[in-house]
Amino acid sequence: MRRTLVALLAGLAAMATAVPGAADARPDQVNALMGGMTLAEKVGQLFMTYGYGPTADTVDARNQTEFGVDTPAQLVQKYHLGGVIYFAWSDNVQNPTQIAGLSNGLQKAAISSGAHIPLLISTDQEEGLVTRIGAPATTFPGSMALGASRSTDNAEQAAAITGRELRAMGINMNNAPDSDVNVNPANPVIGVRSFGSDPTLVSSMVSAQVKGYQSSVVTTAKHFPGHGDAATDSHTGLPVIDHDKATWEKIDAPPFRAAIASGVDVIMSAHIVFPKIDPSGDPSTLSPTVLTGMLRDELGYRGMVITDSLQMAGVRQKYTDAEIVVKALQAGADMLLMPQNVGTAVNAVINAVQTGQLSERRIDQSLARILAVKLRRGVLFNPFVDVNAVAKKVGTATSLATAQRITDSTITVLSNDGALPLKAKSVLVTGWGVTTTQTLADALTAQGIPASKTATDYDAIVVLTNGAATDPSQRQRVRDLVATGKPVIAVGVGNPYDPGAVPEARTWIDTYSYTAVSMRSLARVLTGAVGPRGKLPVDIPNSYSFGAGLTW
């Protein structure tokens, strides 16, 4: 009879370092965990998906509809899952204390199931545009803003704080940092999720964030082989990227090389096609040329590979849901994220082993990589968290102050027609975002300059844009405000390309983020409380060049 998890881990703990991540798991440790597992238990460990509900025992009709169970805990136990992922839409992330309780409940379910292996519990806390857990957790403006700061120390600190707070909530894996080089201004899905358009800048930031995150959590570099030049959103279609091998080596590969050199735990595949590199027409997630040939053979990566969500349209155009999971494993993936139908997917992999499409040895290879990550990052030794301590560890005054200091260094002033620092006695704040404009108005008022969204008597105008480069109505609004003759300060709070679209505004700022912390930093720069220090991390076509940014 197989030893219980408690007895097994007691023996392994004696061999392991006391600091998670201080040493790699040895083959004997991993083999000890794998010994005696059934095929169904092994296959279950290769899957990560979501369950509906704020607690492990919440009965939600959607669980029955999608998975044939009532609760998230039953889902974990039915399929012996290796991981779960949290989202707001699955009702998992209401507040830090609730998240910690959910995490503990799911870990208890995993340990009491047949596999007896604690879970990887993940989320996408990239910060900025992709933030699953907001206040009271500490929030940051996101990757491109950090790229504008040019500070790897800032990037590492931000990741370390985020990772520490995730771990306090029982989330032991973060699907970050985004390691794509955003060279396409029309990219509909990456944009500010990237650190910038320069491979050297992105590589340095990725290395720093891997180090910061992995001080607390399993870390994922994404989306291999590089999503930065996509013109299609892989959630809704299959992007085709025209890079040849030399271009890929120059632009897309460096950040992933940097992540690997920094010891990244996990790399996530992308549902994209590089026809000049792999003419098969298969998305990279299903391509042996990409996941085995490029990632493992050429880049020398030996760690865990996870797919992007297998519910995305980019991976579901050529094959059935049963075929997709088998082909992903054949290509070189280890963990299969969010299959369209978990039962169908698990059974497809088991059947593929039984019919010889996949060998059990191939399953063991992926299982070993997953278990090695769980051992290396302390997931197996410390799966539970202290729910009563969460409030003292998440969103501390020190962390919030650090986040504000870091964000202050990201605001990029591209042009100034004498409007800055503001000398106005009153300001109209208008433009994109009902909540964002109000947050900025409140922050300006707190800095001593009365600001309102409804002011009729004002000395200056601050207008926010988000996507004005592709939105004629936003561009016209800025032009109309300029025509009033009042000083106009235009601020792009999303992708950084808006300043090139409305040259009529003579004062332009990029924040790369509409988070509250960014609006507070913007107010500080507008009023002169701090000087602008950000440098443009991309080229704005026919307008501003990489590195542009005024300081005073």
Protein backbone atom coordinates (compact mmCIF):
# COMPACT_ATOMS: atom_id res chain seq x y z
CA MET A 1 0.00 0.00 0.00
CA ARG A 2 1.27 3.44 -0.89
CA ARG A 3 2.38 5.56 2.00
CA THR A 4 0.15 8.50 2.92
CA LEU A 5 1.15 11.94 1.77
CA VAL A 6 2.00 13.00 5.30
CA ALA A 7 4.43 10.13 5.81
CA LEU A 8 5.93 10.56 2.38
CA LEU A 9 6.47 14.27 2.74
CA ALA A 10 7.94 13.83 6.18
CA GLY A 11 10.66 11.72 4.59
CA LEU A 12 11.16 14.10 1.68
CA ALA A 13 11.25 17.14 3.95
CA ALA A 14 14.29 15.69 5.66
CA MET A 15 16.04 15.71 2.28
CA ALA A 16 14.82 19.13 1.22
CA THR A 17 16.10 22.58 2.03
CA ALA A 18 14.03 24.65 4.43
CA VAL A 19 13.77 27.53 1.96
CA PRO A 20 11.34 26.92 -0.94
CA GLY A 21 13.17 27.24 -4.22
CA ALA A 22 16.65 27.11 -2.71
CA ALA A 23 17.43 23.83 -4.44
CA ASP A 24 15.97 21.78 -7.26
CA ALA A 25 14.02 18.65 -6.52
CA ARG A 26 16.07 15.48 -6.99
CA PRO A 27 14.89 12.60 -9.18
CA ASP A 28 14.57 10.32 -6.17
CA GLN A 29 12.16 12.76 -4.53
CA VAL A 30 10.00 12.98 -7.63
CA ASN A 31 10.07 9.23 -8.21
CA ALA A 32 8.96 8.65 -4.63
CA LEU A 33 5.92 10.84 -5.23
CA MET A 34 5.06 9.10 -8.51
CA GLY A 35 5.39 5.60 -7.15
CA GLY A 36 2.10 3.76 -7.00
CA MET A 37 -0.01 6.42 -8.73
CA THR A 38 -2.66 5.03 -11.06
CA LEU A 39 -2.83 6.14 -14.68
CA ALA A 40 -5.97 8.19 -13.95
CA GLU A 41 -4.22 9.93 -11.05
CA LYS A 42 -1.16 10.68 -13.19
CA VAL A 43 -3.27 12.07 -16.02
CA GLY A 44 -5.35 14.19 -13.64
CA GLN A 45 -2.17 15.88 -12.41
CA LEU A 46 -1.60 17.19 -15.96
CA PHE A 47 -4.77 19.31 -15.86
CA MET A 48 -5.52 22.74 -14.43
CA THR A 49 -8.96 24.29 -14.60
CA TYR A 50 -11.41 26.52 -12.73
CA GLY A 51 -14.32 25.70 -10.47
CA TYR A 52 -17.24 27.95 -9.58
CA GLY A 53 -17.66 29.31 -6.09
CA PRO A 54 -16.03 31.35 -3.31
CA THR A 55 -15.43 28.31 -1.09
CA ALA A 56 -14.36 24.75 -1.81
CA ASP A 57 -17.75 23.47 -0.70
CA THR A 58 -19.95 26.02 -2.48
CA VAL A 59 -22.73 24.34 -4.45
CA ASP A 60 -23.00 26.13 -7.78
CA ALA A 61 -25.21 24.90 -10.62
CA ARG A 62 -22.48 25.79 -13.13
CA ASN A 63 -20.23 23.12 -11.61
CA GLN A 64 -22.86 20.50 -12.33
CA THR A 65 -23.45 21.81 -15.86
CA GLU A 66 -19.78 21.87 -16.84
CA PHE A 67 -18.19 19.18 -14.69
CA GLY A 68 -20.91 16.90 -13.37
CA VAL A 69 -20.19 17.82 -9.74
CA ASP A 70 -21.67 20.24 -7.23
CA THR A 71 -18.62 21.91 -5.68
CA PRO A 72 -15.05 22.90 -6.54
CA ALA A 73 -13.75 20.38 -4.00
CA GLN A 74 -15.63 17.57 -5.75
CA LEU A 75 -14.16 18.70 -9.08
CA VAL A 76 -10.62 18.43 -7.70
CA GLN A 77 -11.30 14.98 -6.28
CA LYS A 78 -13.18 13.57 -9.27
CA TYR A 79 -10.38 14.25 -11.72
CA HIS A 80 -7.34 14.23 -9.35
CA LEU A 81 -6.49 17.70 -10.69
CA GLY A 82 -2.93 18.96 -10.59
CA GLY A 83 -4.02 22.58 -10.47
CA VAL A 84 -6.81 25.13 -10.34
CA ILE A 85 -6.98 28.69 -11.62
CA TYR A 86 -8.91 31.59 -10.09
CA PHE A 87 -11.03 34.20 -11.89
CA ALA A 88 -13.55 36.84 -10.89
CA TRP A 89 -16.14 35.40 -13.30
CA SER A 90 -15.91 32.02 -11.55
CA ASP A 91 -16.56 33.78 -8.23
CA ASN A 92 -13.18 32.86 -6.75
CA VAL A 93 -11.62 36.21 -5.83
CA GLN A 94 -13.95 38.26 -3.65
CA ASN A 95 -11.37 39.34 -1.04
CA PRO A 96 -8.02 38.12 0.34
CA THR A 97 -9.43 36.29 3.37
CA GLN A 98 -12.04 34.49 1.26
CA ILE A 99 -9.37 33.53 -1.28
CA ALA A 100 -7.20 32.05 1.46
CA GLY A 101 -10.11 29.98 2.75
CA LEU A 102 -10.92 28.73 -0.74
CA SER A 103 -7.28 27.79 -1.29
CA ASN A 104 -7.09 25.84 1.95
CA GLY A 105 -10.32 24.02 1.17
CA LEU A 106 -9.15 23.00 -2.29
CA GLN A 107 -5.79 21.83 -0.95
CA LYS A 108 -7.58 19.70 1.62
CA ALA A 109 -9.67 18.18 -1.15
CA ALA A 110 -6.59 17.43 -3.25
CA ILE A 111 -4.68 15.83 -0.39
CA SER A 112 -7.64 13.62 0.51
CA SER A 113 -8.17 12.52 -3.08
CA GLY A 114 -6.59 9.50 -4.73
CA ALA A 115 -3.40 11.24 -5.83
CA HIS A 116 -2.75 12.81 -2.40
CA ILE A 117 -0.82 15.64 -4.13
CA PRO A 118 -1.36 19.33 -3.26
CA LEU A 119 -2.45 21.66 -6.03
CA LEU A 120 -0.81 24.35 -8.04
CA ILE A 121 -3.24 27.22 -7.43
CA SER A 122 -2.77 29.93 -10.01
CA THR A 123 -4.15 33.21 -11.30
CA ASP A 124 -3.16 35.87 -13.83
CA GLN A 125 -1.87 38.69 -11.65
CA GLU A 126 0.24 40.45 -14.29
CA GLU A 127 -0.82 43.76 -12.69
CA GLY A 128 -2.12 46.70 -14.69
CA LEU A 129 -4.54 45.63 -17.42
CA VAL A 130 -4.61 42.00 -16.25
CA THR A 131 -5.25 42.11 -12.51
CA ARG A 132 -7.48 39.43 -11.03
CA ILE A 133 -7.22 40.59 -7.41
CA GLY A 134 -7.61 44.30 -6.70
CA ALA A 135 -7.67 46.36 -3.52
CA PRO A 136 -7.06 45.82 -0.68
CA ALA A 137 -4.20 43.88 -2.29
CA THR A 138 -1.27 46.00 -3.44
CA THR A 139 -1.66 46.90 -7.11
CA PHE A 140 0.84 48.12 -9.69
CA PRO A 141 0.41 49.80 -13.08
CA GLY A 142 1.56 46.83 -15.15
CA SER A 143 4.43 45.75 -17.35
CA MET A 144 4.68 48.57 -19.88
CA ALA A 145 4.63 51.16 -17.12
CA LEU A 146 7.48 49.33 -15.41
CA GLY A 147 9.29 49.29 -18.74
CA ALA A 148 8.89 53.07 -18.86
CA SER A 149 10.58 53.34 -15.46
CA ARG A 150 13.64 51.55 -16.92
CA SER A 151 14.30 50.18 -13.42
CA THR A 152 14.88 46.45 -13.01
CA ASP A 153 14.91 47.06 -9.26
CA ASN A 154 11.36 48.43 -9.53
CA ALA A 155 10.30 45.45 -11.62
CA GLU A 156 11.76 42.99 -9.14
CA GLN A 157 10.25 44.77 -6.14
CA ALA A 158 6.81 44.87 -7.73
CA ALA A 159 6.96 41.16 -8.50
CA ALA A 160 8.24 40.30 -5.04
CA ILE A 161 5.37 42.17 -3.35
CA THR A 162 2.78 40.66 -5.67
CA GLY A 163 4.17 37.16 -5.22
CA ARG A 164 4.32 37.50 -1.44
CA GLU A 165 0.70 38.62 -1.26
CA LEU A 166 -0.49 35.87 -3.60
CA ARG A 167 1.22 33.25 -1.46
CA ALA A 168 -0.42 34.67 1.66
CA MET A 169 -3.79 34.02 -0.03
CA GLY A 170 -2.82 30.45 -0.86
CA ILE A 171 -2.11 31.17 -4.53
CA ASN A 172 1.22 29.51 -5.18
CA MET A 173 1.56 30.13 -8.94
CA ASN A 174 1.36 33.33 -10.97
CA ASN A 175 0.88 33.30 -14.74
CA ALA A 176 3.31 36.18 -15.20
CA PRO A 177 5.47 37.89 -16.40
CA ASP A 178 4.32 38.54 -19.94
CA SER A 179 7.49 38.03 -21.97
CA ASP A 180 6.22 39.20 -25.36
CA VAL A 181 7.94 42.03 -27.27
CA ASN A 182 5.12 44.28 -28.46
CA VAL A 183 6.36 45.46 -31.86
CA ASN A 184 2.88 45.77 -33.39
CA PRO A 185 0.94 48.90 -32.35
CA ALA A 186 -2.24 47.19 -33.56
CA ASN A 187 -1.74 44.16 -31.31
CA PRO A 188 -5.23 43.61 -29.84
CA VAL A 189 -4.32 41.35 -26.94
CA ILE A 190 -0.81 42.20 -25.65
CA GLY A 191 -0.10 45.94 -25.80
CA VAL A 192 0.62 47.28 -22.32
CA ARG A 193 0.90 43.73 -20.99
CA SER A 194 4.38 43.79 -22.60
CA PHE A 195 7.30 45.69 -21.09
CA GLY A 196 7.96 47.31 -24.46
CA SER A 197 9.11 46.97 -28.06
CA ASP A 198 12.82 46.53 -27.43
CA PRO A 199 14.00 42.93 -26.82
CA THR A 200 16.85 44.04 -24.56
CA LEU A 201 14.54 46.09 -22.33
CA VAL A 202 11.94 43.33 -22.18
CA SER A 203 14.57 40.70 -21.40
CA SER A 204 15.98 42.67 -18.48
CA MET A 205 12.54 43.26 -17.02
CA VAL A 206 11.52 39.63 -17.45
CA SER A 207 14.66 38.46 -15.64
CA ALA A 208 13.99 40.85 -12.78
CA GLN A 209 10.38 39.78 -12.41
CA VAL A 210 11.18 36.09 -12.53
CA LYS A 211 13.56 36.66 -9.62
CA GLY A 212 10.98 38.71 -7.72
CA TYR A 213 8.03 36.37 -8.19
CA GLN A 214 10.01 33.20 -7.54
CA SER A 215 10.96 34.40 -4.08
CA SER A 216 7.39 33.33 -3.21
CA VAL A 217 5.49 31.64 -6.04
CA VAL A 218 5.81 29.46 -9.11
CA THR A 219 6.39 31.79 -12.06
CA THR A 220 5.31 31.58 -15.70
CA ALA A 221 6.91 33.32 -18.70
CA LYS A 222 4.40 33.72 -21.52
CA HIS A 223 3.44 33.41 -24.42
CA PHE A 224 6.01 31.25 -26.24
CA PRO A 225 7.24 31.60 -28.97
CA GLY A 226 6.17 35.27 -28.77
CA HIS A 227 2.80 37.02 -29.15
CA GLY A 228 4.10 40.56 -29.63
CA ASP A 229 3.57 40.99 -33.37
CA ALA A 230 0.06 39.54 -33.48
CA ALA A 231 -2.72 41.44 -35.23
CA THR A 232 -5.41 38.97 -34.09
CA ASP A 233 -6.59 38.13 -30.58
CA SER A 234 -5.96 34.41 -29.99
CA HIS A 235 -9.03 34.33 -27.73
CA THR A 236 -11.19 34.85 -30.81
CA GLY A 237 -9.02 33.76 -33.77
CA LEU A 238 -5.69 32.25 -34.79
CA PRO A 239 -2.97 34.92 -35.15
CA VAL A 240 -0.47 34.48 -37.97
CA ILE A 241 2.93 36.08 -37.37
CA ASP A 242 5.19 36.61 -40.38
CA HIS A 243 8.53 36.34 -38.57
CA ASP A 244 11.18 34.09 -40.08
CA LYS A 245 13.68 32.28 -37.86
CA ALA A 246 16.22 35.12 -37.92
CA THR A 247 13.57 37.69 -36.94
CA TRP A 248 12.29 35.42 -34.18
CA GLU A 249 15.82 35.00 -32.84
CA LYS A 250 16.31 38.78 -32.82
CA ILE A 251 12.93 39.96 -31.49
CA ASP A 252 10.90 37.21 -29.81
CA ALA A 253 13.42 34.75 -28.40
CA PRO A 254 15.60 36.99 -26.15
CA PRO A 255 13.09 37.43 -23.29
CA PHE A 256 12.47 33.68 -23.14
CA ARG A 257 16.20 33.02 -23.17
CA ALA A 258 16.49 35.50 -20.30
CA ALA A 259 13.67 33.81 -18.38
CA ILE A 260 15.30 30.41 -18.83
CA ALA A 261 18.68 31.76 -17.73
CA SER A 262 16.95 33.14 -14.63
CA GLY A 263 15.58 29.70 -13.78
CA VAL A 264 11.92 30.30 -14.62
CA ASP A 265 9.66 27.53 -13.35
CA VAL A 266 7.12 27.44 -16.17
CA ILE A 267 6.72 28.64 -19.76
CA MET A 268 3.27 29.08 -21.28
CA SER A 269 2.64 28.31 -24.94
CA ALA A 270 0.77 30.57 -27.35
CA HIS A 271 -2.00 29.74 -29.79
CA ILE A 272 -0.27 31.42 -32.72
CA VAL A 273 1.18 30.36 -36.07
CA PHE A 274 4.63 31.21 -37.43
CA PRO A 275 4.29 29.79 -40.98
CA LYS A 276 7.86 30.67 -41.98
CA ILE A 277 9.16 28.62 -39.04
CA ASP A 278 6.54 25.87 -38.85
CA PRO A 279 4.57 25.35 -42.08
CA SER A 280 2.21 22.79 -40.52
CA GLY A 281 -0.44 25.42 -39.83
CA ASP A 282 -0.87 24.11 -36.30
CA PRO A 283 -0.87 26.62 -33.43
CA SER A 284 2.37 26.61 -31.44
CA THR A 285 0.62 24.90 -28.52
CA LEU A 286 0.16 21.83 -30.74
CA SER A 287 3.47 22.06 -32.61
CA PRO A 288 6.40 19.71 -31.87
CA THR A 289 8.54 22.03 -33.98
CA VAL A 290 7.88 24.86 -31.53
CA LEU A 291 7.54 23.24 -28.10
CA THR A 292 10.11 20.48 -28.53
CA GLY A 293 12.33 21.73 -31.34
CA MET A 294 12.58 25.44 -30.52
CA LEU A 295 11.89 25.56 -26.79
CA ARG A 296 13.53 22.40 -25.52
CA ASP A 297 16.15 21.55 -28.15
CA GLU A 298 17.26 25.01 -29.24
CA LEU A 299 16.74 27.07 -26.08
CA GLY A 300 17.64 24.17 -23.80
CA TYR A 301 14.60 24.54 -21.57
CA ARG A 302 14.06 21.60 -19.21
CA GLY A 303 11.25 22.94 -17.07
CA MET A 304 7.48 22.69 -17.10
CA VAL A 305 5.41 23.85 -20.09
CA ILE A 306 1.78 24.85 -19.62
CA THR A 307 -0.62 25.62 -22.44
CA ASP A 308 -2.62 28.80 -22.67
CA SER A 309 -6.33 28.20 -22.13
CA LEU A 310 -7.55 25.40 -24.37
CA GLN A 311 -10.95 27.08 -24.57
CA MET A 312 -9.51 29.87 -26.75
CA ALA A 313 -10.50 29.96 -30.41
CA GLY A 314 -6.89 30.05 -31.54
CA VAL A 315 -6.35 26.40 -30.59
CA ARG A 316 -9.78 24.99 -31.47
CA GLN A 317 -10.02 25.59 -35.23
CA LYS A 318 -8.50 22.41 -36.68
CA TYR A 319 -9.05 19.67 -34.11
CA THR A 320 -11.67 18.30 -31.74
CA ASP A 321 -11.39 18.97 -28.02
CA ALA A 322 -10.34 15.35 -27.49
CA GLU A 323 -7.62 15.64 -30.14
CA ILE A 324 -6.30 18.97 -28.82
CA VAL A 325 -5.11 17.66 -25.44
CA VAL A 326 -3.39 14.64 -26.97
CA LYS A 327 -1.66 16.72 -29.63
CA ALA A 328 -0.52 19.25 -27.00
CA LEU A 329 1.18 16.47 -25.04
CA GLN A 330 2.67 15.04 -28.21
CA ALA A 331 4.03 18.51 -29.02
CA GLY A 332 5.77 18.80 -25.65
CA ALA A 333 3.32 20.46 -23.26
CA ASP A 334 3.15 19.21 -19.67
CA MET A 335 0.11 20.86 -18.07
CA LEU A 336 -3.15 21.41 -19.95
CA LEU A 337 -4.97 24.59 -18.97
CA MET A 338 -8.75 24.90 -19.02
CA PRO A 339 -9.85 22.29 -21.58
CA GLN A 340 -13.28 22.92 -23.05
CA ASN A 341 -14.63 19.77 -21.40
CA VAL A 342 -12.54 18.36 -18.56
CA GLY A 343 -14.11 14.91 -18.61
CA THR A 344 -13.67 14.55 -22.35
CA ALA A 345 -10.08 15.80 -22.11
CA VAL A 346 -9.01 13.51 -19.26
CA ASN A 347 -10.60 10.48 -20.90
CA ALA A 348 -8.94 11.37 -24.22
CA VAL A 349 -5.48 11.30 -22.66
CA ILE A 350 -6.16 8.04 -20.80
CA ASN A 351 -7.47 6.50 -24.01
CA ALA A 352 -4.44 7.75 -25.94
CA VAL A 353 -2.17 5.88 -23.53
CA GLN A 354 -4.28 2.75 -23.70
CA THR A 355 -4.26 2.78 -27.52
CA GLY A 356 -0.59 3.63 -27.89
CA GLN A 357 -0.88 7.22 -29.17
CA LEU A 358 0.93 8.28 -26.00
CA SER A 359 3.19 6.14 -23.85
CA GLU A 360 2.88 6.09 -20.09
CA ARG A 361 6.54 7.08 -20.07
CA ARG A 362 5.54 10.29 -21.86
CA ILE A 363 2.91 10.95 -19.19
CA ASP A 364 5.53 10.32 -16.52
CA GLN A 365 7.87 12.87 -18.11
CA SER A 366 5.28 15.63 -17.79
CA LEU A 367 4.20 14.49 -14.35
CA ALA A 368 7.82 14.56 -13.17
CA ARG A 369 8.24 18.15 -14.34
CA ILE A 370 5.04 19.22 -12.59
CA LEU A 371 5.98 17.48 -9.34
CA ALA A 372 9.48 18.94 -9.49
CA VAL A 373 7.98 22.44 -9.62
CA LYS A 374 5.69 21.67 -6.69
CA LEU A 375 8.63 20.36 -4.68
CA ARG A 376 11.01 23.15 -5.64
CA ARG A 377 8.61 25.94 -4.66
CA GLY A 378 7.47 24.36 -1.40
CA VAL A 379 3.94 23.63 -2.58
CA LEU A 380 4.06 20.08 -1.29
CA PHE A 381 5.52 20.97 2.08
CA ASN A 382 3.45 24.08 2.75
CA PRO A 383 0.15 23.91 0.87
CA PHE A 384 -1.92 25.68 3.54
CA VAL A 385 -1.98 29.30 4.69
CA ASP A 386 -3.05 31.05 7.89
CA VAL A 387 -6.40 32.62 7.05
CA ASN A 388 -6.25 34.79 10.16
CA ALA A 389 -2.95 36.33 9.07
CA VAL A 390 -3.98 37.35 5.56
CA ALA A 391 -5.15 40.85 6.47
CA LYS A 392 -1.76 41.59 8.04
CA LYS A 393 0.18 40.45 4.97
CA VAL A 394 -1.85 41.79 2.04
CA GLY A 395 -1.91 45.49 1.20
CA THR A 396 0.36 46.60 4.02
CA ALA A 397 1.18 50.29 4.41
CA THR A 398 4.79 49.60 3.43
CA SER A 399 3.81 47.72 0.27
CA LEU A 400 1.30 50.38 -0.76
CA ALA A 401 3.89 53.12 -0.28
CA THR A 402 6.41 51.15 -2.36
CA ALA A 403 3.84 50.71 -5.12
CA GLN A 404 3.17 54.46 -5.20
CA ARG A 405 6.88 55.28 -5.30
CA ILE A 406 7.44 52.83 -8.15
CA THR A 407 4.43 54.15 -10.08
CA ASP A 408 5.65 57.74 -9.69
CA SER A 409 8.65 56.78 -11.83
CA THR A 410 6.53 55.47 -14.72
CA ILE A 411 4.63 58.60 -15.85
CA THR A 412 5.98 59.69 -19.24
CA VAL A 413 5.61 63.29 -20.41
CA LEU A 414 6.11 63.27 -24.17
CA SER A 415 5.44 66.95 -24.87
CA ASN A 416 4.73 70.06 -22.83
CA ASP A 417 3.43 73.30 -24.30
CA GLY A 418 3.95 75.13 -21.03
CA ALA A 419 0.92 73.60 -19.32
CA LEU A 420 3.01 71.61 -16.84
CA PRO A 421 3.32 71.74 -13.93
CA LEU A 422 -0.27 72.90 -13.56
CA LYS A 423 -0.69 76.49 -12.43
CA ALA A 424 -4.46 76.44 -12.73
CA LYS A 425 -6.76 77.25 -9.84
CA SER A 426 -9.38 74.82 -11.13
CA VAL A 427 -9.34 71.92 -13.61
CA LEU A 428 -11.90 70.09 -15.71
CA VAL A 429 -11.17 66.36 -15.88
CA THR A 430 -12.91 64.66 -18.78
CA GLY A 431 -12.58 61.94 -21.41
CA TRP A 432 -12.37 58.16 -21.19
CA GLY A 433 -13.49 56.22 -18.12
CA VAL A 434 -16.19 57.21 -15.63
CA THR A 435 -14.29 55.77 -12.67
CA THR A 436 -10.86 56.74 -13.95
CA THR A 437 -11.71 60.41 -14.51
CA GLN A 438 -13.27 60.61 -11.05
CA THR A 439 -10.22 58.97 -9.47
CA LEU A 440 -7.95 61.52 -11.15
CA ALA A 441 -10.19 64.44 -10.17
CA ASP A 442 -10.11 63.29 -6.55
CA ALA A 443 -6.33 62.87 -6.67
CA LEU A 444 -5.81 66.36 -8.12
CA THR A 445 -8.06 67.85 -5.45
CA ALA A 446 -6.07 66.02 -2.79
CA GLN A 447 -2.92 67.60 -4.27
CA GLY A 448 -4.39 71.08 -3.77
CA ILE A 449 -5.86 71.85 -7.21
CA PRO A 450 -9.67 71.66 -7.23
CA ALA A 451 -10.75 69.37 -10.05
CA SER A 452 -14.15 68.18 -11.21
CA LYS A 453 -15.74 66.21 -14.03
CA THR A 454 -18.60 68.72 -14.17
CA ALA A 455 -16.81 72.04 -13.73
CA THR A 456 -18.15 74.94 -15.79
CA ASP A 457 -15.55 77.47 -14.67
CA TYR A 458 -12.00 76.12 -15.05
CA ASP A 459 -8.51 77.25 -16.04
CA ALA A 460 -7.23 74.04 -17.65
CA ILE A 461 -8.47 70.74 -19.03
CA VAL A 462 -7.11 67.24 -18.50
CA VAL A 463 -8.57 64.81 -21.03
CA LEU A 464 -8.00 61.06 -20.75
CA THR A 465 -7.88 58.78 -23.78
CA ASN A 466 -7.77 55.01 -24.15
CA GLY A 467 -7.52 53.72 -27.69
CA ALA A 468 -7.91 57.09 -29.40
CA ALA A 469 -5.54 55.85 -32.10
CA THR A 470 -8.38 53.63 -33.33
CA ASP A 471 -11.38 55.63 -32.07
CA PRO A 472 -12.36 58.68 -34.17
CA SER A 473 -14.78 59.95 -31.51
CA GLN A 474 -12.03 60.19 -28.90
CA ARG A 475 -9.74 61.99 -31.33
CA GLN A 476 -12.46 64.49 -32.19
CA ARG A 477 -13.18 65.11 -28.50
CA VAL A 478 -9.54 66.08 -27.91
CA ARG A 479 -9.60 68.38 -30.93
CA ASP A 480 -12.80 70.04 -29.72
CA LEU A 481 -11.26 70.68 -26.31
CA VAL A 482 -8.14 72.16 -27.89
CA ALA A 483 -10.40 74.48 -29.89
CA THR A 484 -11.74 76.03 -26.67
CA GLY A 485 -8.43 77.85 -26.26
CA LYS A 486 -7.98 76.54 -22.72
CA PRO A 487 -4.72 74.75 -21.87
CA VAL A 488 -5.29 71.04 -22.66
CA ILE A 489 -3.28 68.19 -21.19
CA ALA A 490 -4.03 64.95 -23.03
CA VAL A 491 -3.23 61.69 -21.25
CA GLY A 492 -3.18 58.21 -22.77
CA VAL A 493 -4.12 55.77 -20.02
CA GLY A 494 -3.98 52.59 -22.11
CA ASN A 495 -1.83 51.58 -25.08
CA PRO A 496 0.80 54.30 -25.57
CA TYR A 497 0.06 55.14 -29.21
CA ASP A 498 -2.65 57.81 -28.71
CA PRO A 499 -0.25 60.79 -28.69
CA GLY A 500 0.66 60.10 -32.30
CA ALA A 501 -3.00 60.16 -33.33
CA VAL A 502 -3.94 63.64 -32.13
CA PRO A 503 -1.02 66.04 -32.69
CA GLU A 504 -3.37 68.99 -32.16
CA ALA A 505 -2.90 68.49 -28.42
CA ARG A 506 0.43 70.08 -27.59
CA THR A 507 0.87 68.49 -24.17
CA TRP A 508 0.81 64.67 -24.08
CA ILE A 509 1.39 62.18 -21.28
CA ASP A 510 1.37 58.37 -21.27
CA THR A 511 0.59 56.42 -18.09
CA TYR A 512 0.12 52.94 -19.70
CA SER A 513 -2.48 52.21 -17.03
CA TYR A 514 -5.77 53.50 -15.66
CA THR A 515 -5.32 51.91 -12.24
CA ALA A 516 -5.92 54.09 -9.18
CA VAL A 517 -2.24 54.02 -8.28
CA SER A 518 -1.39 55.40 -11.74
CA MET A 519 -3.97 58.18 -11.46
CA ARG A 520 -2.49 59.23 -8.12
CA SER A 521 0.98 59.32 -9.65
CA LEU A 522 -0.35 61.26 -12.63
CA ALA A 523 -1.83 63.86 -10.27
CA ARG A 524 1.52 64.17 -8.52
CA VAL A 525 3.29 64.81 -11.83
CA LEU A 526 0.60 67.22 -13.08
CA THR A 527 0.85 69.34 -9.95
CA GLY A 528 4.65 69.21 -9.72
CA ALA A 529 4.73 67.17 -6.50
CA VAL A 530 7.13 64.85 -8.34
CA GLY A 531 8.96 65.26 -11.61
CA PRO A 532 8.26 63.01 -14.60
CA ARG A 533 10.84 60.24 -15.07
CA GLY A 534 9.28 57.73 -17.46
CA LYS A 535 10.85 56.98 -20.84
CA LEU A 536 8.77 55.69 -23.74
CA PRO A 537 9.26 51.88 -23.95
CA VAL A 538 7.96 51.63 -27.55
CA ASP A 539 8.12 53.58 -30.80
CA ILE A 540 5.00 55.57 -31.66
CA PRO A 541 4.90 55.50 -35.47
CA ASN A 542 5.60 58.84 -37.16
CA SER A 543 5.61 60.58 -33.82
CA TYR A 544 7.71 59.77 -30.75
CA SER A 545 10.69 57.45 -30.61
CA PHE A 546 11.65 54.78 -28.09
CA GLY A 547 13.24 56.54 -25.12
CA ALA A 548 11.33 59.82 -25.47
CA GLY A 549 10.33 61.51 -22.23
CA LEU A 550 10.74 64.95 -20.69
CA THR A 551 12.08 65.44 -17.18
CA TRP A 552 12.35 68.41 -14.85
